[in-house]
Protein backbone atom coordinates (compact mmCIF):
# COMPACT_ATOMS: atom_id res chain seq x y z
CA MET A 1 14.49 9.99 -1.57
CA ILE A 2 16.90 7.08 -1.95
CA ASP A 3 18.35 5.12 0.97
CA LEU A 4 21.83 3.73 0.18
CA ASN A 5 23.51 0.77 1.85
CA TYR A 6 26.41 -1.44 0.84
CA LEU A 7 28.00 -4.78 1.69
CA VAL A 8 31.55 -5.96 1.07
CA LEU A 9 31.20 -9.49 -0.30
CA GLY A 10 33.15 -12.31 -1.93
CA GLN A 11 36.76 -13.38 -2.22
CA LEU A 12 37.74 -10.16 -4.00
CA GLU A 13 35.91 -7.95 -1.46
CA ASN A 14 33.44 -6.42 -3.87
CA ASN A 15 31.21 -3.52 -2.98
CA THR A 16 27.58 -4.57 -3.48
CA TYR A 17 25.24 -1.58 -3.29
CA ILE A 18 21.59 -1.56 -2.22
CA LEU A 19 19.30 1.31 -3.19
CA LYS A 20 15.79 1.71 -1.78
CA ASP A 21 13.27 4.34 -2.80
CA GLU A 22 11.69 5.52 0.45
CA ASP A 23 8.31 6.28 -1.15
CA SER A 24 7.66 3.25 -3.35
CA HIS A 25 9.91 0.87 -1.36
CA GLU A 26 11.33 -0.38 -4.65
CA ILE A 27 14.86 -1.75 -4.31
CA ALA A 28 17.78 -2.05 -6.73
CA VAL A 29 20.99 -3.98 -6.11
CA ILE A 30 24.19 -3.09 -7.94
CA ASP A 31 26.72 -5.88 -8.63
CA PRO A 32 25.69 -8.68 -6.24
CA SER A 33 29.00 -10.47 -5.88
CA VAL A 34 27.83 -13.65 -4.13
CA ASP A 35 24.77 -15.07 -2.40
CA SER A 36 24.45 -13.20 0.89
CA ASN A 37 22.09 -13.88 3.80
CA GLU A 38 22.67 -10.31 4.95
CA LEU A 39 21.49 -9.04 1.58
CA PHE A 40 18.49 -11.37 1.57
CA SER A 41 17.54 -10.23 5.08
CA TYR A 42 17.69 -6.57 4.07
CA ILE A 43 15.41 -7.14 1.09
CA ASP A 44 13.00 -9.27 3.13
CA GLU A 45 12.81 -6.73 5.93
CA ASN A 46 12.17 -3.91 3.46
CA GLY A 47 9.23 -5.41 1.61
CA LYS A 48 10.84 -7.93 -0.78
CA ASN A 49 10.30 -5.41 -3.59
CA LEU A 50 13.54 -5.96 -5.54
CA LYS A 51 12.92 -4.35 -8.92
CA TYR A 52 16.36 -4.28 -10.56
CA ILE A 53 19.70 -6.02 -10.46
CA LEU A 54 22.05 -3.49 -12.05
CA LEU A 55 25.34 -4.86 -13.38
CA THR A 56 28.27 -2.59 -14.20
CA HIS A 57 29.88 -5.47 -16.11
CA GLY A 58 29.87 -9.26 -16.34
CA HIS A 59 32.94 -10.46 -14.46
CA PHE A 60 32.36 -13.35 -12.05
CA ASP A 61 32.96 -11.29 -8.91
CA HIS A 62 30.15 -8.89 -9.83
CA ILE A 63 27.49 -11.43 -10.86
CA GLY A 64 27.79 -14.41 -8.51
CA GLY A 65 24.68 -13.49 -6.54
CA VAL A 66 22.41 -12.68 -9.49
CA CYS A 67 20.68 -16.04 -10.03
CA GLU A 68 19.56 -16.49 -6.43
CA LEU A 69 18.20 -12.94 -6.30
CA VAL A 70 16.21 -13.54 -9.48
CA LYS A 71 14.91 -16.82 -8.09
CA ARG A 72 13.83 -15.30 -4.79
CA TYR A 73 12.48 -11.93 -5.94
CA ASN A 74 11.92 -12.12 -9.71
CA ALA A 75 14.00 -8.98 -10.25
CA GLN A 76 14.92 -7.63 -13.68
CA VAL A 77 18.57 -8.03 -14.67
CA CYS A 78 20.03 -4.97 -16.42
CA ILE A 79 23.40 -4.78 -18.18
CA SER A 80 24.93 -3.18 -21.25
CA LYS A 81 23.95 -4.82 -24.52
CA LEU A 82 27.68 -4.82 -25.31
CA GLU A 83 28.40 -7.17 -22.39
CA LEU A 84 26.13 -10.06 -23.33
CA ASP A 85 28.86 -12.20 -24.91
CA LEU A 86 31.00 -11.99 -21.77
CA LEU A 87 28.26 -12.39 -19.18
CA ASN A 88 27.55 -16.08 -19.72
CA ASN A 89 30.94 -17.15 -21.04
CA PRO A 90 32.93 -18.63 -18.11
CA SER A 91 36.20 -18.29 -19.98
CA LEU A 92 35.64 -14.57 -20.53
CA ASN A 93 33.97 -13.67 -17.23
CA GLY A 94 36.61 -15.35 -15.07
CA ALA A 95 34.44 -18.06 -13.54
CA PHE A 96 36.41 -20.85 -15.21
CA ALA A 97 39.76 -19.51 -14.02
CA HIS A 98 38.48 -19.40 -10.43
CA ASP A 99 36.86 -22.85 -10.61
CA LEU A 100 33.36 -21.41 -10.17
CA ASN A 101 30.06 -22.51 -11.64
CA ILE A 102 27.68 -19.61 -12.24
CA ASN A 103 24.32 -20.50 -13.74
CA GLU A 104 23.24 -18.82 -16.96
CA ILE A 105 21.90 -15.34 -16.36
CA LYS A 106 18.90 -14.14 -18.35
CA VAL A 107 19.08 -10.44 -19.14
CA ASP A 108 15.77 -8.57 -19.00
CA ILE A 109 16.92 -5.07 -19.96
CA GLU A 110 19.80 -4.54 -22.41
CA LEU A 111 21.16 -1.08 -21.74
CA SER A 112 22.54 1.46 -24.19
CA ASP A 113 24.43 4.66 -23.40
CA ASN A 114 22.25 7.25 -21.62
CA ASP A 115 19.33 4.87 -21.03
CA VAL A 116 17.26 5.78 -17.97
CA LEU A 117 15.49 3.46 -15.52
CA LYS A 118 13.07 4.55 -12.81
CA LEU A 119 13.21 3.47 -9.16
CA GLY A 120 10.08 5.00 -7.80
CA GLU A 121 10.28 8.56 -9.13
CA ASN A 122 14.08 8.52 -9.14
CA GLU A 123 16.02 8.30 -12.39
CA ILE A 124 18.91 5.87 -12.79
CA LYS A 125 21.04 6.80 -15.79
CA PHE A 126 23.33 4.28 -17.46
CA ILE A 127 26.57 5.51 -19.00
CA SER A 128 28.56 3.23 -21.28
CA THR A 129 32.23 3.22 -20.20
CA PRO A 130 34.09 0.46 -22.08
CA GLY A 131 37.68 -0.28 -21.21
CA HIS A 132 37.82 -2.74 -18.33
CA THR A 133 35.51 -4.86 -20.48
CA ALA A 134 33.84 -4.06 -23.80
CA GLY A 135 30.48 -3.58 -22.11
CA SER A 136 31.47 -1.91 -18.85
CA GLY A 137 29.21 0.88 -17.66
CA CYS A 138 28.40 3.20 -14.77
CA PHE A 139 25.14 4.22 -13.10
CA ILE A 140 24.22 7.73 -11.99
CA ILE A 141 21.56 8.22 -9.31
CA ASN A 142 21.20 11.76 -8.02
CA GLU A 143 24.69 12.83 -6.87
CA TRP A 144 26.05 9.28 -6.79
CA LEU A 145 28.20 7.65 -9.47
CA PHE A 146 28.58 3.86 -9.34
CA THR A 147 31.64 3.05 -11.40
CA GLY A 148 32.15 -0.72 -11.13
CA ASP A 149 35.71 -1.50 -12.20
CA THR A 150 36.07 1.53 -14.47
CA LEU A 151 37.13 4.12 -11.90
CA PHE A 152 38.64 3.55 -8.46
CA CYS A 153 39.98 5.97 -5.87
CA GLN A 154 43.06 7.40 -7.63
CA SER A 155 43.23 4.34 -9.88
CA ILE A 156 41.33 2.45 -12.60
CA GLY A 157 40.32 -1.10 -13.42
CA ARG A 158 42.56 -3.53 -15.24
CA THR A 159 42.71 -3.45 -19.01
CA ASP A 160 44.52 -6.73 -19.68
CA PHE A 161 41.49 -8.98 -20.13
CA GLU A 162 40.37 -10.41 -23.46
CA THR A 163 37.66 -7.80 -24.06
CA SER A 164 39.60 -4.93 -22.42
CA SER A 165 40.93 -1.89 -24.22
CA MET A 166 43.21 0.80 -22.79
CA SER A 167 42.27 3.19 -25.57
CA ASP A 168 38.58 2.71 -24.76
CA MET A 169 39.36 3.14 -21.06
CA LYS A 170 41.04 6.49 -21.72
CA ASN A 171 37.97 7.70 -23.62
CA SER A 172 35.66 6.47 -20.85
CA LEU A 173 37.68 8.23 -18.15
CA LYS A 174 37.55 11.45 -20.16
CA LYS A 175 33.79 10.98 -20.42
CA LEU A 176 33.50 10.67 -16.63
CA ARG A 177 35.92 13.54 -16.04
CA ASP A 178 33.81 15.81 -18.24
CA LEU A 179 30.50 15.11 -16.52
CA ASP A 180 28.80 18.27 -15.29
CA GLY A 181 29.07 18.85 -11.57
CA ASP A 182 30.48 16.63 -8.85
CA PHE A 183 29.53 13.13 -7.72
CA VAL A 184 30.34 10.74 -4.93
CA VAL A 185 32.21 7.87 -6.60
CA PHE A 186 31.18 4.40 -5.45
CA PRO A 187 33.56 1.89 -7.08
CA GLY A 188 33.30 -1.87 -7.37
CA HIS A 189 36.14 -2.37 -4.90
CA ASP A 190 37.88 -0.45 -2.13
CA VAL A 191 37.14 3.02 -0.77
CA PHE A 192 34.74 5.70 -1.99
CA SER A 193 35.86 9.01 -3.48
CA LYS A 194 34.60 12.18 -5.13
CA LEU A 195 34.73 12.89 -8.84
CA SER A 196 36.32 16.27 -8.08
CA THR A 197 39.07 14.48 -6.15
CA GLU A 198 39.65 12.07 -9.03
CA ARG A 199 39.82 14.91 -11.52
CA MET A 200 42.55 16.47 -9.43
CA TYR A 201 44.58 13.49 -8.20
CA ASN A 202 43.89 10.46 -10.37
CA PRO A 203 46.80 10.25 -12.85
CA TYR A 204 44.60 8.43 -15.37
CA MET A 205 42.14 11.33 -15.57
CA LYS A 206 44.67 13.96 -16.56
């Protein structure tokens, strides 16, 4: 069984998600936006067993808290192998434009489409969904779909960045639309949704 928590962090009000396997007490954090004492306290109080830092993509507002988490807990950083050029390039990841200094991030696990990680006995599936960036991706855990800046509630992420592609985004949205079954959609910003709701009401998924 997975326990799910989230924090809204950073200047762009990012959703940072915290997953804990109740049996093994292993923890994964998705898109740590900034250093957060609240996040550190949660991990400390739940055994300090941070196994993974899962990144949906490499923009500054999704990675600002990575280095301190690695330093404190020696967690493994996981991101699409297609996002490596953007991750540590401040001109591409937006850090330079926002006058931020983010230390170089070492990637431990380079993900490809349909790769699976284990948190305890739970499977975390990575789905490549380029569009917002060339290496954007989503994570599926049980009935939950963590979409980063690919899919929002009745909207989608921007496609006007240097590594963006609207044609790729359309293909990625079709890929999500055609997933079997329904999922709770946990985006990188703003409110949660359901995939069935997005199939019906999101104009970009038609």
